[in-house]
């Protein structure tokens, strides 16, 4: 029992400045101990079980099509509850070729149009209705301007594309349940594995700032 208590002591004490990150640590621990089921609720559990009966592979995947260029996305089944006020949670994805978000209000520039479709796990399609720039402040305080972000209103999460980072010369590091994005010696974003995905929290900038980098 003492050993188990020692493990919980590794969780950082909440200091009042980053509730989203702290709560993500707590939920990550609960998932590791399989104590998370009461958090999901009976209704969600029933929906997941029904979807499992139809096709296990359809529960957590979707394909996004950009002009006949197909990549895979991870779909989040449950609603995220560990996001601090004014913060936005992004799922870090190594297969998506572009950043993708469902919320038009996050864009600083925007061009509406027909830019392809997203094929969901249930074989339905959702349109990419716009492309634009999104200015964010990462959880380590860096300002970044994300270029050519896809707007998909029906998507249930924000997708942070590591391929887009790779094209801009950034390096990603994954391991031991942690994710880090850097350029040279500068760390520009961090994240943690939670609920089977790497996640990071950012804050949307309503106005354009002098960003660290545009990509």
Protein backbone atom coordinates (compact mmCIF):
# COMPACT_ATOMS: atom_id res chain seq x y z
CA UNK A 1 0.00 0.00 0.00
CA UNK A 2 2.86 2.33 0.82
CA UNK A 3 4.27 1.76 -2.65
CA UNK A 4 1.00 2.73 -4.29
CA UNK A 5 0.82 5.90 -2.21
CA UNK A 6 4.33 6.77 -3.31
CA UNK A 7 3.29 6.66 -6.94
CA UNK A 8 0.51 9.17 -6.43
CA UNK A 9 2.96 11.54 -4.77
CA UNK A 10 4.65 11.91 -8.16
CA UNK A 11 1.72 14.01 -9.39
CA UNK A 12 2.53 17.68 -9.27
CA UNK A 13 0.68 19.68 -6.64
CA UNK A 14 -1.84 22.13 -8.09
CA UNK A 15 -0.37 25.62 -7.79
CA UNK A 16 -3.37 27.54 -9.11
CA UNK A 17 -1.81 28.48 -12.46
CA UNK A 18 -2.37 25.48 -14.77
CA UNK A 19 -5.46 23.56 -13.70
CA UNK A 20 -5.87 21.87 -17.11
CA UNK A 21 -2.40 20.30 -17.00
CA UNK A 22 -2.75 19.24 -13.34
CA UNK A 23 -6.15 17.64 -13.89
CA UNK A 24 -4.80 15.84 -16.96
CA UNK A 25 -2.19 14.23 -14.68
CA UNK A 26 -4.92 13.06 -12.29
CA UNK A 27 -7.03 11.57 -15.09
CA UNK A 28 -3.96 9.92 -16.59
CA UNK A 29 -3.33 8.22 -13.25
CA UNK A 30 -6.98 7.11 -12.99
CA UNK A 31 -6.86 5.60 -16.47
CA UNK A 32 -3.67 3.77 -15.60
CA UNK A 33 -5.39 2.23 -12.56
CA UNK A 34 -8.60 1.61 -14.55
CA UNK A 35 -10.54 3.81 -12.14
CA UNK A 36 -11.85 6.14 -14.85
CA UNK A 37 -15.12 4.41 -15.79
CA UNK A 38 -17.33 6.42 -13.36
CA UNK A 39 -16.06 9.58 -15.09
CA UNK A 40 -17.50 8.52 -18.42
CA UNK A 41 -21.11 8.12 -17.31
CA UNK A 42 -23.61 5.37 -18.09
CA UNK A 43 -24.86 6.93 -21.31
CA UNK A 44 -21.39 7.27 -22.82
CA UNK A 45 -20.45 3.76 -21.73
CA UNK A 46 -23.55 2.37 -23.44
CA UNK A 47 -22.75 4.23 -26.68
CA UNK A 48 -19.17 2.94 -26.67
CA UNK A 49 -20.34 -0.63 -26.07
CA UNK A 50 -22.80 -0.37 -28.96
CA UNK A 51 -20.08 0.95 -31.24
CA UNK A 52 -17.74 -1.85 -30.14
CA UNK A 53 -20.34 -4.39 -31.23
CA UNK A 54 -20.53 -2.83 -34.69
CA UNK A 55 -16.83 -2.47 -35.38
CA UNK A 56 -13.96 -2.09 -32.92
CA UNK A 57 -11.79 -0.43 -35.53
CA UNK A 58 -14.32 2.33 -36.20
CA UNK A 59 -14.40 3.65 -32.64
CA UNK A 60 -11.21 5.64 -32.63
CA UNK A 61 -10.25 6.35 -36.25
CA UNK A 62 -11.21 8.55 -39.14
CA UNK A 63 -9.69 9.38 -42.48
CA UNK A 64 -9.31 12.93 -43.68
CA UNK A 65 -9.08 13.57 -47.41
CA UNK A 66 -7.26 16.59 -48.82
CA UNK A 67 -7.64 16.54 -52.61
CA UNK A 68 -7.21 12.75 -52.84
CA UNK A 69 -4.47 12.81 -50.18
CA UNK A 70 -5.63 10.56 -47.33
CA UNK A 71 -4.24 10.58 -43.82
CA UNK A 72 -5.51 9.01 -40.60
CA UNK A 73 -6.80 10.87 -37.57
CA UNK A 74 -7.56 9.67 -34.06
CA UNK A 75 -11.10 10.50 -32.96
CA UNK A 76 -11.88 11.17 -29.33
CA UNK A 77 -14.98 9.30 -28.14
CA UNK A 78 -15.46 11.05 -24.82
CA UNK A 79 -15.87 14.73 -24.13
CA UNK A 80 -12.79 16.36 -22.63
CA UNK A 81 -13.42 17.73 -19.16
CA UNK A 82 -9.87 18.68 -18.13
CA UNK A 83 -9.49 21.94 -20.03
CA UNK A 84 -8.95 25.11 -18.02
CA UNK A 85 -11.02 28.20 -18.74
CA UNK A 86 -9.81 30.02 -21.88
CA UNK A 87 -7.57 27.06 -22.74
CA UNK A 88 -8.12 24.80 -25.74
CA UNK A 89 -7.05 21.17 -25.81
CA UNK A 90 -5.37 19.85 -28.96
CA UNK A 91 -4.71 16.21 -29.78
CA UNK A 92 -1.16 15.74 -31.08
CA UNK A 93 -1.33 13.71 -34.30
CA UNK A 94 1.63 12.35 -36.25
CA UNK A 95 -0.37 11.33 -39.35
CA UNK A 96 -2.46 14.43 -40.14
CA UNK A 97 -0.83 16.54 -42.84
CA UNK A 98 -2.42 19.77 -41.56
CA UNK A 99 -3.74 21.27 -38.35
CA UNK A 100 -7.53 20.83 -38.16
CA UNK A 101 -10.05 22.53 -35.85
CA UNK A 102 -13.87 22.66 -35.58
CA UNK A 103 -14.20 26.23 -34.26
CA UNK A 104 -14.28 29.15 -36.68
CA UNK A 105 -13.86 31.66 -33.89
CA UNK A 106 -10.24 30.60 -33.34
CA UNK A 107 -9.11 31.83 -36.76
CA UNK A 108 -7.30 35.16 -37.15
CA UNK A 109 -7.58 34.99 -40.96
CA UNK A 110 -10.11 32.89 -42.82
CA UNK A 111 -11.04 31.91 -46.37
CA UNK A 112 -14.29 30.03 -46.90
CA UNK A 113 -14.62 27.44 -49.64
CA UNK A 114 -14.76 23.77 -50.55
CA UNK A 115 -11.38 22.28 -49.63
CA UNK A 116 -12.17 18.57 -49.45
CA UNK A 117 -13.89 16.30 -46.96
CA UNK A 118 -13.28 14.39 -43.76
CA UNK A 119 -14.31 10.74 -43.77
CA UNK A 120 -15.47 9.82 -40.28
CA UNK A 121 -15.23 6.41 -38.64
CA UNK A 122 -18.90 5.68 -39.33
CA UNK A 123 -18.29 6.31 -43.07
CA UNK A 124 -20.07 9.66 -43.07
CA UNK A 125 -18.35 12.70 -44.59
CA UNK A 126 -17.79 16.19 -43.21
CA UNK A 127 -16.71 19.11 -45.35
CA UNK A 128 -13.60 21.22 -44.94
CA UNK A 129 -15.37 24.57 -45.20
CA UNK A 130 -12.48 26.95 -44.73
CA UNK A 131 -8.74 27.48 -44.38
CA UNK A 132 -6.93 30.14 -42.41
CA UNK A 133 -4.39 31.08 -39.76
CA UNK A 134 -4.69 30.45 -36.03
CA UNK A 135 -2.55 32.25 -33.46
CA UNK A 136 -1.91 30.30 -30.26
CA UNK A 137 0.06 30.63 -27.06
CA UNK A 138 1.45 27.25 -26.00
CA UNK A 139 1.60 25.91 -22.47
CA UNK A 140 5.25 27.00 -22.20
CA UNK A 141 4.44 30.58 -23.18
CA UNK A 142 5.50 30.61 -26.86
CA UNK A 143 3.37 32.41 -29.44
CA UNK A 144 2.89 30.44 -32.65
CA UNK A 145 1.02 31.30 -35.84
CA UNK A 146 -0.39 28.14 -37.41
CA UNK A 147 -0.77 28.51 -41.18
CA UNK A 148 -3.32 26.87 -43.51
CA UNK A 149 -5.37 25.36 -40.69
CA UNK A 150 -8.36 23.36 -41.93
CA UNK A 151 -11.83 24.20 -40.58
CA UNK A 152 -14.06 21.13 -40.13
CA UNK A 153 -17.14 22.05 -38.04
CA UNK A 154 -18.18 18.44 -37.43
CA UNK A 155 -14.82 17.37 -35.99
CA UNK A 156 -14.92 16.70 -32.26
CA UNK A 157 -11.41 17.86 -31.39
CA UNK A 158 -8.53 20.11 -32.40
CA UNK A 159 -5.76 18.30 -34.30
CA UNK A 160 -2.16 19.46 -33.85
CA UNK A 161 -0.20 18.13 -36.84
CA UNK A 162 3.40 17.11 -36.14
CA UNK A 163 3.95 16.72 -39.90
CA UNK A 164 3.30 20.45 -40.30
CA UNK A 165 5.90 21.01 -37.58
CA UNK A 166 8.37 18.72 -39.33
CA UNK A 167 8.04 20.74 -42.54
CA UNK A 168 8.89 23.89 -40.59
CA UNK A 169 12.03 22.34 -39.12
CA UNK A 170 10.73 21.45 -35.68
CA UNK A 171 11.63 18.27 -33.78
CA UNK A 172 9.19 16.16 -31.80
CA UNK A 173 10.11 13.90 -28.91
CA UNK A 174 7.77 11.18 -27.64
CA UNK A 175 8.37 8.81 -24.74
CA UNK A 176 7.47 7.92 -21.16
CA UNK A 177 4.03 9.42 -21.63
CA UNK A 178 5.38 12.85 -22.54
CA UNK A 179 5.55 14.88 -25.75
CA UNK A 180 7.82 17.80 -26.52
CA UNK A 181 8.16 20.07 -29.55
CA UNK A 182 11.39 21.98 -30.00
CA UNK A 183 13.47 23.93 -32.48
CA UNK A 184 17.14 23.80 -31.67
CA UNK A 185 17.45 24.28 -27.92
CA UNK A 186 14.12 26.10 -27.65
CA UNK A 187 11.17 24.06 -26.36
CA UNK A 188 8.00 25.60 -27.81
CA UNK A 189 5.31 23.18 -26.56
CA UNK A 190 4.83 20.24 -24.22
CA UNK A 191 2.14 17.63 -23.74
CA UNK A 192 1.31 14.37 -22.00
CA UNK A 193 -0.31 11.08 -22.87
CA UNK A 194 -3.85 10.86 -21.53
CA UNK A 195 -6.70 8.52 -22.46
CA UNK A 196 -4.59 6.86 -25.15
CA UNK A 197 -3.54 10.09 -26.91
CA UNK A 198 -0.86 12.73 -26.60
CA UNK A 199 -2.50 16.04 -25.73
CA UNK A 200 -1.40 19.62 -25.22
CA UNK A 201 -3.15 22.77 -24.02
CA UNK A 202 -2.86 26.09 -25.80
CA UNK A 203 -4.55 29.46 -25.50
CA UNK A 204 -6.04 31.04 -28.61
CA UNK A 205 -4.97 34.59 -29.41
CA UNK A 206 -7.82 36.75 -30.65
CA UNK A 207 -5.39 39.24 -32.18
CA UNK A 208 -2.22 38.80 -34.19
CA UNK A 209 0.98 38.89 -32.17
CA UNK A 210 4.64 38.70 -33.08
CA UNK A 211 4.74 34.92 -33.19
CA UNK A 212 7.85 32.83 -32.59
CA UNK A 213 7.35 31.14 -35.95
CA UNK A 214 4.76 30.82 -38.68
CA UNK A 215 4.02 27.40 -40.10
